[in-house]
C-alpha atoms as a PDB file:
ATOM      1  CA  MET A   1     -47.377 -72.577  49.356  1.00  0.00           C
ATOM      2  CA  PHE A   2     -45.933 -69.244  48.944  1.00  0.00           C
ATOM      3  CA  ARG A   3     -46.842 -65.854  50.837  1.00  0.00           C
ATOM      4  CA  ILE A   4     -46.952 -62.423  48.739  1.00  0.00           C
ATOM      5  CA  ALA A   5     -46.536 -59.636  50.732  1.00  0.00           C
ATOM      6  CA  GLU A   6     -45.750 -56.053  50.122  1.00  0.00           C
ATOM      7  CA  GLU A   7     -41.864 -55.266  50.631  1.00  0.00           C
ATOM      8  CA  THR A   8     -40.438 -53.803  53.489  1.00  0.00           C
ATOM      9  CA  PRO A   9     -36.983 -52.021  54.304  1.00  0.00           C
ATOM     10  CA  GLU A  10     -36.374 -55.096  56.518  1.00  0.00           C
ATOM     11  CA  ASP A  11     -36.255 -56.971  52.887  1.00  0.00           C
ATOM     12  CA  GLU A  12     -33.670 -54.856  51.296  1.00  0.00           C
ATOM     13  CA  TYR A  13     -30.867 -56.942  51.665  1.00  0.00           C
ATOM     14  CA  GLU A  14     -32.456 -60.295  51.056  1.00  0.00           C
ATOM     15  CA  VAL A  15     -34.137 -58.634  47.852  1.00  0.00           C
ATOM     16  CA  GLU A  16     -30.627 -57.857  46.946  1.00  0.00           C
ATOM     17  CA  TYR A  17     -28.950 -61.032  47.463  1.00  0.00           C
ATOM     18  CA  LEU A  18     -31.952 -62.714  45.651  1.00  0.00           C
ATOM     19  CA  LEU A  19     -31.209 -60.286  42.422  1.00  0.00           C
ATOM     20  CA  ASP A  20     -27.367 -61.064  42.652  1.00  0.00           C
ATOM     21  CA  LEU A  21     -28.245 -64.594  42.288  1.00  0.00           C
ATOM     22  CA  CYS A  22     -30.694 -64.681  39.595  1.00  0.00           C
ATOM     23  CA  PHE A  23     -28.979 -61.936  37.243  1.00  0.00           C
ATOM     24  CA  ALA A  24     -25.419 -61.770  35.754  1.00  0.00           C
ATOM     25  CA  PRO A  25     -22.970 -59.661  37.408  1.00  0.00           C
ATOM     26  CA  GLY A  26     -23.141 -56.172  36.249  1.00  0.00           C
ATOM     27  CA  ARG A  27     -26.822 -56.066  36.234  1.00  0.00           C
ATOM     28  CA  THR A  28     -26.667 -52.539  37.632  1.00  0.00           C
ATOM     29  CA  ALA A  29     -25.175 -51.079  34.833  1.00  0.00           C
ATOM     30  CA  LEU A  30     -28.745 -51.300  32.908  1.00  0.00           C
ATOM     31  CA  SER A  31     -30.743 -48.697  31.598  1.00  0.00           C
ATOM     32  CA  SER A  32     -33.191 -49.533  33.835  1.00  0.00           C
ATOM     33  CA  TYR A  33     -31.177 -48.949  36.632  1.00  0.00           C
ATOM     34  CA  ARG A  34     -29.938 -45.415  36.118  1.00  0.00           C
ATOM     35  CA  LEU A  35     -33.911 -44.785  36.403  1.00  0.00           C
ATOM     36  CA  ARG A  36     -33.875 -45.986  39.425  1.00  0.00           C
ATOM     37  CA  ASP A  37     -31.003 -44.557  40.730  1.00  0.00           C
ATOM     38  CA  GLY A  38     -32.120 -42.345  43.736  1.00  0.00           C
ATOM     39  CA  VAL A  39     -35.391 -42.889  43.268  1.00  0.00           C
ATOM     40  CA  SER A  40     -37.807 -45.100  45.903  1.00  0.00           C
ATOM     41  CA  LYS A  41     -39.601 -47.657  44.637  1.00  0.00           C
ATOM     42  CA  VAL A  42     -43.295 -47.627  44.747  1.00  0.00           C
ATOM     43  CA  SER A  43     -45.003 -48.805  48.231  1.00  0.00           C
ATOM     44  CA  GLY A  44     -47.530 -51.503  47.782  1.00  0.00           C
ATOM     45  CA  LEU A  45     -46.551 -52.511  44.498  1.00  0.00           C
ATOM     46  CA  SER A  46     -42.905 -54.052  45.258  1.00  0.00           C
ATOM     47  CA  LEU A  47     -43.932 -57.505  46.828  1.00  0.00           C
ATOM     48  CA  VAL A  48     -41.727 -60.452  48.055  1.00  0.00           C
ATOM     49  CA  ALA A  49     -42.796 -64.164  48.710  1.00  0.00           C
ATOM     50  CA  ARG A  50     -41.682 -66.329  51.290  1.00  0.00           C
ATOM     51  CA  ASP A  51     -42.215 -70.185  51.472  1.00  0.00           C
ATOM     52  CA  GLU A  52     -43.512 -72.119  54.325  1.00  0.00           C
ATOM     53  CA  PHE A  53     -39.790 -71.435  56.129  1.00  0.00           C
ATOM     54  CA  ASP A  54     -39.942 -67.935  55.854  1.00  0.00           C
ATOM     55  CA  VAL A  55     -37.524 -68.123  53.109  1.00  0.00           C
ATOM     56  CA  LEU A  56     -37.436 -65.255  49.901  1.00  0.00           C
ATOM     57  CA  ALA A  57     -38.128 -67.279  47.151  1.00  0.00           C
ATOM     58  CA  GLY A  58     -39.473 -64.057  44.935  1.00  0.00           C
ATOM     59  CA  SER A  59     -39.552 -60.176  44.178  1.00  0.00           C
ATOM     60  CA  ILE A  60     -41.070 -57.936  42.027  1.00  0.00           C
ATOM     61  CA  SER A  61     -40.375 -54.557  42.299  1.00  0.00           C
ATOM     62  CA  TYR A  62     -42.046 -51.268  40.964  1.00  0.00           C
ATOM     63  CA  TRP A  63     -40.778 -47.370  39.963  1.00  0.00           C
ATOM     64  CA  PRO A  64     -41.862 -44.462  38.850  1.00  0.00           C
ATOM     65  CA  ILE A  65     -41.234 -42.878  35.597  1.00  0.00           C
ATOM     66  CA  LEU A  66     -42.124 -40.148  32.809  1.00  0.00           C
ATOM     67  CA  ILE A  67     -42.859 -40.733  29.204  1.00  0.00           C
ATOM     68  CA  GLY A  68     -42.421 -37.938  26.661  1.00  0.00           C
ATOM     69  CA  GLU A  69     -41.904 -34.245  26.662  1.00  0.00           C
ATOM     70  CA  GLY A  70     -44.942 -34.443  28.590  1.00  0.00           C
ATOM     71  CA  GLY A  71     -44.040 -36.327  31.575  1.00  0.00           C
ATOM     72  CA  ALA A  72     -46.812 -38.896  31.350  1.00  0.00           C
ATOM     73  CA  LYS A  73     -46.428 -40.670  34.469  1.00  0.00           C
ATOM     74  CA  ALA A  74     -46.306 -44.839  34.387  1.00  0.00           C
ATOM     75  CA  LEU A  75     -44.575 -47.634  36.207  1.00  0.00           C
ATOM     76  CA  LEU A  76     -40.984 -49.226  35.208  1.00  0.00           C
ATOM     77  CA  LEU A  77     -41.872 -53.233  36.198  1.00  0.00           C
ATOM     78  CA  GLY A  78     -38.815 -54.899  37.566  1.00  0.00           C
ATOM     79  CA  PRO A  79     -36.862 -56.597  37.901  1.00  0.00           C
ATOM     80  CA  VAL A  80     -38.845 -59.388  39.173  1.00  0.00           C
ATOM     81  CA  ALA A  81     -36.781 -62.135  40.846  1.00  0.00           C
ATOM     82  CA  VAL A  82     -37.482 -66.285  41.397  1.00  0.00           C
ATOM     83  CA  HIS A  83     -34.773 -68.196  43.634  1.00  0.00           C
ATOM     84  CA  PRO A  84     -33.424 -71.046  41.002  1.00  0.00           C
ATOM     85  CA  ILE A  85     -35.013 -73.499  43.346  1.00  0.00           C
ATOM     86  CA  HIS A  86     -38.928 -72.543  42.647  1.00  0.00           C
ATOM     87  CA  GLN A  87     -38.131 -71.636  39.149  1.00  0.00           C
ATOM     88  CA  GLY A  88     -40.668 -73.205  36.967  1.00  0.00           C
ATOM     89  CA  GLU A  89     -43.275 -73.312  40.062  1.00  0.00           C
ATOM     90  CA  GLY A  90     -45.697 -70.383  38.946  1.00  0.00           C
ATOM     91  CA  LEU A  91     -44.396 -67.819  41.406  1.00  0.00           C
ATOM     92  CA  GLY A  92     -43.054 -65.011  38.550  1.00  0.00           C
ATOM     93  CA  ALA A  93     -46.546 -65.124  37.236  1.00  0.00           C
ATOM     94  CA  ALA A  94     -48.168 -64.584  40.695  1.00  0.00           C
ATOM     95  CA  LEU A  95     -45.949 -62.057  41.575  1.00  0.00           C
ATOM     96  CA  ILE A  96     -46.942 -60.216  38.391  1.00  0.00           C
ATOM     97  CA  ASN A  97     -50.605 -60.740  38.432  1.00  0.00           C
ATOM     98  CA  ASP A  98     -51.009 -59.620  42.045  1.00  0.00           C
ATOM     99  CA  SER A  99     -48.615 -56.762  41.211  1.00  0.00           C
ATOM    100  CA  LEU A 100     -50.387 -55.875  37.805  1.00  0.00           C
ATOM    101  CA  ALA A 101     -53.967 -55.993  39.839  1.00  0.00           C
ATOM    102  CA  ARG A 102     -52.584 -53.768  42.828  1.00  0.00           C
ATOM    103  CA  ALA A 103     -51.251 -51.393  40.501  1.00  0.00           C
ATOM    104  CA  GLU A 104     -54.679 -50.844  38.443  1.00  0.00           C
ATOM    105  CA  ALA A 105     -56.231 -50.978  42.075  1.00  0.00           C
ATOM    106  CA  ALA A 106     -54.619 -48.088  42.838  1.00  0.00           C
ATOM    107  CA  GLY A 107     -55.031 -46.172  40.057  1.00  0.00           C
ATOM    108  CA  TRP A 108     -51.823 -46.571  38.050  1.00  0.00           C
ATOM    109  CA  THR A 109     -53.086 -46.375  34.281  1.00  0.00           C
ATOM    110  CA  ARG A 110     -49.671 -47.756  32.486  1.00  0.00           C
ATOM    111  CA  VAL A 111     -47.036 -49.630  32.834  1.00  0.00           C
ATOM    112  CA  VAL A 112     -43.706 -50.556  31.118  1.00  0.00           C
ATOM    113  CA  LEU A 113     -40.461 -53.248  31.377  1.00  0.00           C
ATOM    114  CA  VAL A 114     -37.661 -54.441  29.986  1.00  0.00           C
ATOM    115  CA  GLY A 115     -37.597 -57.576  29.130  1.00  0.00           C
ATOM    116  CA  ASP A 116     -38.638 -61.293  26.562  1.00  0.00           C
ATOM    117  CA  GLU A 117     -41.691 -60.326  24.424  1.00  0.00           C
ATOM    118  CA  PRO A 118     -42.642 -64.017  24.411  1.00  0.00           C
ATOM    119  CA  TYR A 119     -42.926 -64.648  28.211  1.00  0.00           C
ATOM    120  CA  TYR A 120     -44.417 -61.064  29.437  1.00  0.00           C
ATOM    121  CA  ARG A 121     -47.324 -61.378  26.908  1.00  0.00           C
ATOM    122  CA  ARG A 122     -49.370 -63.646  28.436  1.00  0.00           C
ATOM    123  CA  PHE A 123     -49.784 -60.896  31.025  1.00  0.00           C
ATOM    124  CA  GLY A 124     -50.889 -58.426  27.937  1.00  0.00           C
ATOM    125  CA  PHE A 125     -47.389 -56.990  27.370  1.00  0.00           C
ATOM    126  CA  THR A 126     -46.625 -55.995  23.812  1.00  0.00           C
ATOM    127  CA  LYS A 127     -43.573 -54.235  21.927  1.00  0.00           C
ATOM    128  CA  ALA A 128     -43.259 -50.076  22.436  1.00  0.00           C
ATOM    129  CA  ASP A 129     -42.000 -49.443  19.253  1.00  0.00           C
ATOM    130  CA  PHE A 130     -43.412 -45.562  20.199  1.00  0.00           C
ATOM    131  CA  LEU A 131     -41.141 -45.636  23.484  1.00  0.00           C
ATOM    132  CA  GLU A 132     -37.279 -45.151  23.740  1.00  0.00           C
ATOM    133  CA  MET A 133     -35.324 -46.378  26.637  1.00  0.00           C
ATOM    134  CA  PRO A 134     -32.138 -44.381  27.367  1.00  0.00           C
ATOM    135  CA  PRO A 135     -28.891 -46.928  26.155  1.00  0.00           C
ATOM    136  CA  PRO A 136     -28.094 -49.030  26.271  1.00  0.00           C
ATOM    137  CA  THR A 137     -31.423 -51.046  25.534  1.00  0.00           C
ATOM    138  CA  ASN A 138     -32.150 -53.592  23.170  1.00  0.00           C
ATOM    139  CA  PRO A 139     -35.573 -51.434  21.648  1.00  0.00           C
ATOM    140  CA  ASP A 140     -36.999 -54.946  21.112  1.00  0.00           C
ATOM    141  CA  ARG A 141     -37.064 -55.754  24.472  1.00  0.00           C
ATOM    142  CA  LEU A 142     -38.979 -52.645  25.794  1.00  0.00           C
ATOM    143  CA  LEU A 143     -42.413 -53.659  26.387  1.00  0.00           C
ATOM    144  CA  HIS A 144     -45.856 -51.977  27.847  1.00  0.00           C
ATOM    145  CA  ARG A 145     -49.037 -52.896  29.312  1.00  0.00           C
ATOM    146  CA  ALA A 146     -52.229 -50.218  29.642  1.00  0.00           C
ATOM    147  CA  LEU A 147     -54.117 -51.007  32.543  1.00  0.00           C
ATOM    148  CA  VAL A 148     -56.900 -48.284  31.230  1.00  0.00           C
ATOM    149  CA  ASP A 149     -57.952 -48.695  27.782  1.00  0.00           C
ATOM    150  CA  GLY A 150     -56.592 -46.045  26.014  1.00  0.00           C
ATOM    151  CA  ALA A 151     -53.923 -44.947  28.392  1.00  0.00           C
ATOM    152  CA  PHE A 152     -50.751 -44.876  25.961  1.00  0.00           C
ATOM    153  CA  ASN A 153     -53.052 -43.357  23.186  1.00  0.00           C
ATOM    154  CA  GLY A 154     -50.411 -40.070  22.117  1.00  0.00           C
ATOM    155  CA  LEU A 155     -48.196 -40.889  24.087  1.00  0.00           C
ATOM    156  CA  SER A 156     -44.360 -41.160  22.629  1.00  0.00           C
ATOM    157  CA  GLY A 157     -41.018 -40.553  23.537  1.00  0.00           C
ATOM    158  CA  LEU A 158     -38.235 -40.860  26.141  1.00  0.00           C
ATOM    159  CA  ILE A 159     -38.589 -42.363  29.148  1.00  0.00           C
ATOM    160  CA  ARG A 160     -37.148 -40.405  31.971  1.00  0.00           C
ATOM    161  CA  LYS A 161     -36.502 -40.577  35.721  1.00  0.00           C
ATOM    162  CA  VAL A 162     -38.413 -39.045  38.512  1.00  0.00           C
ATOM    163  CA  THR A 163     -36.879 -36.101  39.993  1.00  0.00           C
END
């Protein structure tokens, strides 16, 4: 059984260790990290999951971003990480579903992520051919999901950092 809670500053070192464990060296060189530099995570949406021994088993983070010349507000989901000993137990899906419900309840209307479309499709994400991530990003991995019908209507262009 896992306990999902909002991430706190005290969780930061454990979350970073988990991310190092789950992702390849050089993860911070990815373009999504440029959008996060110097920007605070969205409170209430960035979550941690702990097992019955209070050991960190998973985490998910969200960051504010802007889309296009008009600067439409959106969320950048990621990274999502699950400790290797807990992969395949549905924890990643639980973190995604819980956090998306929280995002919608908080009034957010759109979410973008860089990931594998076959995995994220089950959460309602599809390719975002009308959006552009700063390089280096494989455009086939840029996905989006509207939390409100029509949230992406008329939007296009470069995803950029909130300043």
